[in-house]
Protein backbone atom coordinates (compact mmCIF):
# COMPACT_ATOMS: atom_id res chain seq x y z
CA MET A 1 0.44 -37.35 217.38
CA LEU A 2 3.66 -36.91 219.36
CA ALA A 3 5.50 -40.27 219.57
CA GLY A 4 2.99 -41.99 217.32
CA THR A 5 5.73 -44.57 216.85
CA PRO A 6 8.59 -45.34 219.26
CA PRO A 7 11.05 -42.41 219.39
CA MET A 8 14.47 -42.94 217.81
CA GLY A 9 17.71 -41.06 218.28
CA TRP A 10 20.95 -40.89 220.24
CA ASN A 11 21.66 -40.22 223.92
CA SER A 12 25.01 -39.06 225.28
CA TRP A 13 25.15 -41.00 228.56
CA ASN A 14 26.24 -44.52 227.59
CA GLY A 15 29.10 -43.35 225.45
CA PHE A 16 30.24 -40.10 227.06
CA GLY A 17 28.78 -39.65 230.56
CA SER A 18 30.25 -36.51 232.13
CA ARG A 19 32.41 -35.88 229.05
CA VAL A 20 29.48 -34.66 226.98
CA SER A 21 30.09 -31.31 225.28
CA GLU A 22 28.69 -29.11 222.55
CA ASP A 23 31.43 -30.35 220.21
CA VAL A 24 30.38 -33.95 220.82
CA VAL A 25 26.74 -33.05 220.20
CA ARG A 26 27.49 -31.16 216.98
CA GLN A 27 29.75 -33.90 215.65
CA THR A 28 27.21 -36.56 216.56
CA ALA A 29 24.47 -34.66 214.76
CA ASP A 30 26.70 -34.40 211.69
CA SER A 31 27.41 -38.13 211.85
CA LEU A 32 23.75 -39.08 212.16
CA VAL A 33 23.25 -37.30 208.84
CA SER A 34 26.36 -38.51 207.02
CA SER A 35 25.87 -42.13 208.13
CA GLY A 36 22.27 -42.20 206.91
CA LEU A 37 20.94 -42.88 210.41
CA ARG A 38 18.86 -39.71 210.42
CA ASP A 39 17.06 -40.82 207.28
CA LEU A 40 16.33 -44.18 208.91
CA GLY A 41 14.49 -42.37 211.70
CA TYR A 42 17.11 -41.55 214.35
CA ARG A 43 16.08 -37.92 214.88
CA TYR A 44 16.49 -37.03 218.58
CA VAL A 45 19.93 -35.93 219.81
CA VAL A 46 19.63 -36.05 223.60
CA ILE A 47 22.10 -34.41 226.01
CA ASP A 48 22.00 -36.43 229.22
CA ASP A 49 23.28 -35.51 232.71
CA CYS A 50 26.28 -33.21 233.36
CA TRP A 51 25.39 -30.53 230.80
CA ALA A 52 24.69 -27.83 233.41
CA ALA A 53 26.83 -25.77 235.75
CA HIS A 54 26.79 -26.88 239.40
CA GLU A 55 24.85 -23.80 240.50
CA ARG A 56 21.82 -22.01 239.09
CA GLY A 57 22.22 -18.44 237.91
CA LYS A 58 21.16 -15.34 239.82
CA THR A 59 17.63 -15.49 238.41
CA GLY A 60 17.32 -19.17 239.30
CA ASP A 61 17.75 -20.35 235.72
CA LEU A 62 19.79 -23.40 234.88
CA VAL A 63 23.11 -22.43 233.31
CA PRO A 64 25.01 -24.54 230.75
CA ASP A 65 28.50 -25.61 231.82
CA PRO A 66 30.69 -22.61 230.90
CA GLU A 67 33.50 -24.75 229.48
CA ARG A 68 31.83 -27.70 227.78
CA PHE A 69 28.80 -25.72 226.55
CA SER A 70 30.34 -22.26 226.26
CA GLY A 71 28.26 -21.40 223.20
CA GLY A 72 24.97 -22.02 225.01
CA ILE A 73 22.13 -24.41 224.27
CA ARG A 74 20.04 -22.22 221.95
CA PRO A 75 22.71 -22.00 219.23
CA LEU A 76 23.26 -25.74 219.59
CA ALA A 77 19.55 -26.37 219.12
CA ASP A 78 19.54 -24.15 216.03
CA TYR A 79 22.43 -26.14 214.59
CA VAL A 80 20.76 -29.49 215.28
CA HIS A 81 17.44 -28.27 213.87
CA GLY A 82 19.22 -27.09 210.75
CA LEU A 83 20.22 -30.69 210.09
CA GLY A 84 16.64 -31.92 210.32
CA LEU A 85 17.15 -33.30 213.82
CA LYS A 86 15.68 -32.55 217.25
CA LEU A 87 17.50 -31.68 220.47
CA GLY A 88 16.83 -33.23 223.87
CA ILE A 89 17.98 -32.36 227.38
CA TYR A 90 18.00 -33.92 230.83
CA SER A 91 16.91 -33.12 234.37
CA ASP A 92 15.70 -34.83 237.53
CA ALA A 93 12.55 -34.77 239.70
CA ALA A 94 14.59 -33.82 242.80
CA GLU A 95 16.91 -31.06 243.96
CA LEU A 96 19.88 -32.85 242.36
CA THR A 97 20.39 -34.99 239.29
CA CYS A 98 22.00 -38.42 239.45
CA ALA A 99 25.43 -36.81 238.93
CA ARG A 100 24.57 -34.12 241.54
CA TYR A 101 23.90 -31.21 239.21
CA PRO A 102 20.86 -28.98 239.85
CA GLY A 103 17.58 -30.85 239.45
CA SER A 104 14.19 -29.34 238.61
CA PHE A 105 12.09 -30.06 241.71
CA GLY A 106 10.49 -26.75 242.70
CA PHE A 107 11.58 -25.15 239.41
CA GLU A 108 9.37 -27.09 237.02
CA GLU A 109 7.67 -24.18 235.26
CA GLN A 110 10.81 -22.05 235.19
CA ASP A 111 12.93 -24.84 233.72
CA ALA A 112 10.30 -25.91 231.19
CA ALA A 113 9.92 -22.33 229.98
CA LEU A 114 13.70 -22.00 229.69
CA TRP A 115 14.01 -25.20 227.67
CA ALA A 116 11.19 -24.12 225.40
CA SER A 117 12.96 -20.78 224.80
CA TRP A 118 16.08 -22.74 223.84
CA GLY A 119 14.15 -24.83 221.30
CA ILE A 120 14.33 -28.12 223.21
CA ASP A 121 12.25 -30.97 221.75
CA PHE A 122 12.75 -33.78 224.29
CA LEU A 123 13.15 -34.03 228.07
CA LYS A 124 14.57 -37.06 229.84
CA TYR A 125 13.45 -36.68 233.46
CA ASP A 126 15.26 -38.88 235.97
CA TYR A 127 14.40 -39.85 239.57
CA CYS A 128 17.65 -39.91 241.56
CA HIS A 129 17.56 -38.42 245.12
CA ALA A 130 13.73 -38.44 245.10
CA PRO A 131 11.33 -40.17 247.54
CA GLN A 132 10.69 -43.82 246.75
CA ASP A 133 6.91 -44.06 247.07
CA GLN A 134 4.73 -44.16 243.99
CA ALA A 135 2.38 -41.34 245.00
CA VAL A 136 5.22 -38.82 245.24
CA ALA A 137 6.65 -40.00 241.93
CA ILE A 138 3.30 -39.52 240.20
CA GLU A 139 2.93 -36.05 241.72
CA ARG A 140 6.42 -34.93 240.73
CA TYR A 141 6.22 -36.29 237.21
CA THR A 142 2.77 -34.79 236.72
CA ARG A 143 4.07 -31.37 237.81
CA MET A 144 6.71 -31.44 235.11
CA GLY A 145 4.27 -32.82 232.55
CA GLN A 146 1.94 -29.91 233.21
CA ALA A 147 4.84 -27.44 233.06
CA LEU A 148 5.93 -28.76 229.66
CA LYS A 149 2.38 -28.52 228.35
CA LYS A 150 2.09 -24.96 229.62
CA THR A 151 5.01 -23.85 227.44
CA GLY A 152 2.98 -24.44 224.29
CA ARG A 153 5.98 -26.14 222.68
CA GLU A 154 5.86 -29.78 221.61
CA ILE A 155 8.40 -31.44 223.91
CA LEU A 156 8.52 -35.21 224.11
CA TYR A 157 8.49 -36.24 227.77
CA SER A 158 10.61 -39.26 228.74
CA ILE A 159 9.81 -40.44 232.28
CA CYS A 160 12.85 -42.22 233.71
CA GLU A 161 12.05 -43.71 237.12
CA TRP A 162 13.42 -47.18 236.22
CA GLY A 163 10.16 -49.14 236.40
CA GLY A 164 10.06 -49.68 240.15
CA ARG A 165 6.85 -47.70 240.69
CA ASN A 166 4.93 -49.27 237.79
CA PRO A 167 5.03 -46.26 235.44
CA HIS A 168 3.21 -48.23 232.75
CA LEU A 169 0.07 -47.73 234.88
CA TRP A 170 0.28 -43.93 235.26
CA ALA A 171 3.03 -42.29 233.19
CA SER A 172 0.78 -41.47 230.26
CA ARG A 173 -1.62 -39.60 232.55
CA ALA A 174 1.38 -37.69 233.94
CA GLY A 175 2.06 -36.45 230.42
CA GLY A 176 4.75 -38.93 229.35
CA GLN A 177 5.20 -40.34 225.88
CA MET A 178 7.76 -42.94 227.02
CA TRP A 179 8.61 -44.39 230.41
CA ARG A 180 11.43 -46.55 231.63
CA ALA A 181 10.22 -50.07 232.27
CA THR A 182 13.55 -51.38 233.56
CA PRO A 183 16.54 -50.45 235.70
CA ASP A 184 19.59 -49.24 233.77
CA VAL A 185 20.70 -51.71 231.11
CA LEU A 186 24.47 -52.07 231.22
CA ASP A 187 26.88 -53.23 228.53
CA SER A 188 26.46 -56.93 229.19
CA TRP A 189 24.24 -59.89 228.40
CA THR A 190 23.97 -60.75 232.11
CA ASP A 191 23.33 -58.57 235.14
CA THR A 192 26.43 -56.79 236.37
CA TRP A 193 27.56 -54.84 239.41
CA MET A 194 27.93 -51.07 239.02
CA GLU A 195 31.05 -49.91 240.83
CA LYS A 196 29.95 -46.34 241.49
CA GLY A 197 27.03 -46.40 243.89
CA ASN A 198 27.23 -50.10 244.78
CA TRP A 199 24.09 -51.14 242.97
CA THR A 200 23.29 -53.63 240.27
CA GLY A 201 22.32 -52.82 236.72
CA ILE A 202 20.70 -55.43 234.52
CA GLY A 203 21.88 -57.06 231.34
CA ILE A 204 20.15 -57.31 227.98
CA ASP A 205 18.67 -60.70 228.92
CA SER A 206 16.98 -59.41 232.09
CA ALA A 207 15.58 -56.36 230.32
CA ILE A 208 13.81 -58.60 227.81
CA GLU A 209 12.37 -60.64 230.67
CA ALA A 210 11.12 -57.47 232.40
CA ALA A 211 9.22 -56.49 229.26
CA ALA A 212 7.41 -59.80 228.92
CA SER A 213 4.37 -58.72 230.95
CA LEU A 214 4.09 -55.13 229.71
CA SER A 215 3.05 -55.39 226.07
CA GLU A 216 -0.56 -54.39 226.65
CA TYR A 217 0.46 -51.09 228.22
CA ALA A 218 2.16 -49.55 225.17
CA GLY A 219 0.94 -48.17 221.87
CA PRO A 220 0.88 -45.03 219.73
CA GLY A 221 1.63 -42.03 221.92
CA GLY A 222 3.09 -43.97 224.87
CA TRP A 223 5.87 -46.57 224.99
CA ASN A 224 7.61 -48.90 227.42
CA ASP A 225 11.25 -47.81 227.39
CA LEU A 226 13.71 -50.69 227.91
CA ASP A 227 16.59 -48.19 228.23
CA MET A 228 19.14 -47.04 225.72
CA LEU A 229 20.88 -49.34 223.28
CA VAL A 230 24.28 -50.61 224.35
CA VAL A 231 24.97 -51.82 220.80
CA GLY A 232 28.53 -50.98 219.80
CA LEU A 233 29.93 -49.98 223.19
CA HIS A 234 32.18 -53.07 223.43
CA GLY A 235 32.95 -52.34 227.09
CA SER A 236 34.46 -48.93 226.31
CA GLY A 237 31.54 -46.64 227.23
CA SER A 238 30.91 -44.66 230.40
CA ILE A 239 28.68 -47.39 231.86
CA PRO A 240 29.78 -50.67 233.49
CA GLY A 241 29.80 -53.95 231.64
CA GLU A 242 32.48 -55.94 229.91
CA GLY A 243 30.73 -55.62 226.56
CA ALA A 244 28.43 -57.97 224.72
CA THR A 245 29.05 -59.95 221.54
CA LEU A 246 27.80 -58.79 218.16
CA ARG A 247 25.20 -61.58 218.33
CA GLU A 248 23.96 -60.26 221.69
CA TYR A 249 23.90 -56.73 220.33
CA ARG A 250 21.81 -57.98 217.41
CA THR A 251 19.43 -59.56 219.92
CA GLN A 252 19.08 -56.27 221.76
CA MET A 253 18.23 -54.51 218.50
CA SER A 254 15.84 -57.30 217.51
CA MET A 255 13.91 -57.40 220.75
CA TRP A 256 13.82 -53.63 221.26
CA CYS A 257 12.25 -53.37 217.79
CA VAL A 258 9.64 -56.12 218.20
CA LEU A 259 8.79 -54.85 221.70
CA CYS A 260 8.34 -51.28 220.41
CA SER A 261 10.90 -49.82 222.80
CA PRO A 262 12.34 -46.43 221.86
CA LEU A 263 15.63 -46.83 219.99
CA MET A 264 18.21 -44.51 221.50
CA ILE A 265 21.74 -45.22 220.29
CA GLY A 266 24.36 -45.01 223.05
CA CYS A 267 27.65 -45.62 221.23
CA ASP A 268 29.87 -43.07 219.50
CA VAL A 269 28.33 -42.73 216.04
CA ARG A 270 31.22 -40.58 214.85
CA SER A 271 33.27 -43.74 214.24
CA LEU A 272 30.82 -46.55 213.60
CA GLU A 273 32.42 -49.86 212.68
CA GLY A 274 30.83 -51.84 209.89
CA PRO A 275 29.07 -54.59 211.91
CA VAL A 276 27.64 -52.07 214.39
CA ARG A 277 26.48 -49.80 211.58
CA GLU A 278 24.77 -52.83 210.03
CA ILE A 279 22.93 -53.62 213.28
CA LEU A 280 21.71 -50.07 213.84
CA SER A 281 20.81 -49.62 210.17
CA ASN A 282 18.69 -52.73 209.67
CA SER A 283 15.81 -51.14 207.78
CA GLY A 284 13.60 -54.21 208.03
CA LEU A 285 13.77 -54.22 211.82
CA ILE A 286 13.35 -50.45 212.00
CA ALA A 287 10.18 -50.83 209.93
CA VAL A 288 8.95 -53.34 212.52
CA SER A 289 9.69 -50.84 215.30
CA GLN A 290 8.01 -47.99 213.47
CA ASP A 291 4.94 -49.88 212.30
CA THR A 292 1.89 -47.66 212.69
CA LEU A 293 -0.21 -50.34 214.40
CA GLY A 294 2.12 -49.97 217.39
CA ARG A 295 1.48 -53.39 218.95
CA PRO A 296 4.45 -54.72 220.97
CA ALA A 297 5.25 -58.40 220.60
CA VAL A 298 3.95 -60.90 223.11
CA MET A 299 5.62 -64.14 224.14
CA VAL A 300 3.49 -66.99 222.81
CA ARG A 301 5.70 -69.91 223.82
CA ARG A 302 8.59 -70.63 226.17
CA THR A 303 10.36 -73.97 226.33
CA GLY A 304 13.26 -73.87 228.74
CA LYS A 305 15.56 -71.11 227.47
CA GLN A 306 13.90 -70.87 224.05
CA GLU A 307 11.07 -68.46 223.29
CA VAL A 308 8.74 -67.48 220.46
CA TRP A 309 7.40 -63.89 220.33
CA ARG A 310 4.69 -62.63 217.98
CA LYS A 311 3.96 -59.09 216.77
CA PRO A 312 1.10 -58.14 214.42
CA MET A 313 1.74 -55.48 211.78
CA ALA A 314 -0.48 -52.85 210.20
CA ASP A 315 -0.25 -54.50 206.75
CA GLY A 316 -1.58 -57.79 208.13
CA SER A 317 1.79 -59.54 208.23
CA ILE A 318 3.10 -61.22 211.37
CA VAL A 319 6.58 -60.78 212.82
CA ILE A 320 8.01 -63.68 214.81
CA ALA A 321 11.10 -63.53 217.02
CA LEU A 322 12.78 -66.83 217.86
CA LEU A 323 14.95 -66.12 220.90
CA ASN A 324 17.49 -68.52 222.37
CA ARG A 325 18.50 -67.36 225.85
CA GLY A 326 20.48 -70.55 226.41
CA ALA A 327 24.21 -71.23 226.21
CA THR A 328 24.00 -73.86 223.45
CA VAL A 329 22.56 -73.94 219.95
CA ALA A 330 18.89 -74.94 219.84
CA ASP A 331 16.30 -75.95 217.28
CA ILE A 332 13.28 -73.68 217.72
CA ALA A 333 10.12 -74.70 215.91
CA LEU A 334 7.70 -72.21 214.44
CA ARG A 335 4.27 -73.78 214.67
CA PRO A 336 1.29 -72.26 212.84
CA VAL A 337 -0.50 -71.75 216.16
CA ASP A 338 2.48 -69.71 217.45
CA ALA A 339 2.37 -67.48 214.41
CA GLY A 340 -1.41 -67.16 214.50
CA VAL A 341 -1.78 -68.64 211.00
CA LEU A 342 -3.50 -71.72 209.63
CA ASP A 343 -1.77 -75.03 208.93
CA SER A 344 -2.42 -74.28 205.26
CA PHE A 345 -0.39 -71.04 205.31
CA ARG A 346 1.75 -70.84 202.19
CA GLY A 347 2.81 -67.19 202.16
CA SER A 348 6.32 -65.80 202.18
CA VAL A 349 8.56 -65.98 205.26
CA ARG A 350 11.36 -63.44 205.29
CA ASP A 351 14.39 -63.46 207.61
CA LEU A 352 14.99 -59.82 208.60
CA TRP A 353 18.66 -60.38 209.47
CA LYS A 354 19.61 -62.50 206.47
CA LYS A 355 17.34 -60.26 204.37
CA GLY A 356 16.04 -63.13 202.33
CA VAL A 357 13.05 -65.42 201.96
CA VAL A 358 13.05 -68.67 203.94
CA ALA A 359 12.51 -71.05 201.06
CA ASP A 360 11.85 -74.24 203.01
CA TYR A 361 9.02 -73.00 205.21
CA SER A 362 6.38 -75.60 205.99
CA PRO A 363 3.97 -75.84 208.93
CA GLY A 364 5.97 -76.65 212.04
CA PHE A 365 9.41 -76.01 210.53
CA SER A 366 12.32 -75.21 212.83
CA LEU A 367 15.53 -73.19 212.68
CA LYS A 368 18.82 -73.59 214.46
CA VAL A 369 19.25 -70.57 216.71
CA GLN A 370 22.65 -69.84 218.18
CA PRO A 371 23.18 -69.03 221.89
CA HIS A 372 21.83 -65.56 222.73
CA GLU A 373 20.65 -65.12 219.15
CA THR A 374 17.30 -63.85 217.93
CA VAL A 375 16.02 -64.82 214.50
CA VAL A 376 13.34 -62.40 213.29
CA LEU A 377 10.92 -63.61 210.64
CA GLN A 378 8.12 -61.78 208.85
CA LEU A 379 5.21 -63.84 207.52
CA ALA A 380 3.09 -62.30 204.78
CA SER A 381 0.24 -63.87 202.81
């Protein structure tokens, strides 16, 4: 099954924006291998907007930018495939992309066939400059979904209309394997104003809130996409936001994993600092994300700014996320009823960040959770 678990990889937009190039893509692919990230599951290398020339060619085909992608996309795909990775590309369901490069509206079959001939494995399909009503969005996304299917090549279809037209209700029928459930998540804990375009992107905190009611709509083959990871940008990427703290980045990783969102790295992996590498490489959390049961966590308790989320796993264990959205440290209790276990539970409780067993577990125990921190526990009988 395509996207049997949430897709993982890297996307060029957050870190590079219009500066993406074939050199960046090749070096990133190399770094995914040398850093061990590929072997942890980060397999898709996705070229976002600005990869194409501003005009289509004489035959109507999209043309790679002659300077930044002078070698063409097919050789780049061959290189990426040779490293055991997959290559993704970007377009838009309108005449223009968000950055005003040629979109694919009216060229769906031609573009899909071209990408298939290049060896593309993933399409991120945006919705800038397109009509706002849901019916048109469904029609346009379905047209591209059918065009991708017609190629005969397995191409993962990422529907990116930002959640405003309830894609969780129809994106799978349009052919999508993942669909954006939120507006753009910027490099910030709180919502922030985006200078170019005069609109507001959301912070990590708001994205988690947006996902709270969507858990039932995701599972193997189709996933709620909470947008790309901002982990490691530190305010230096191509997107707005002053940067989040390492604790807030850990919370993004934690909640994206328990909510089964795709994990698309946005920072420059060619020069990963130790703490960021540790966040992105947390094998215990990645195992939670990639669990074959594919059940996103649900919020089982909220008390003020403190929350408890529960996610069942294929092996029968239970993953619990204790999230403190507040500005001060808080004691968050884990009650047996929250975890879905009996008062007599005496199994192991493992902290997936500290990577150790919680020795003092007893029914109703509590942990101190720092501001904007998420503690992730796994309970196994």
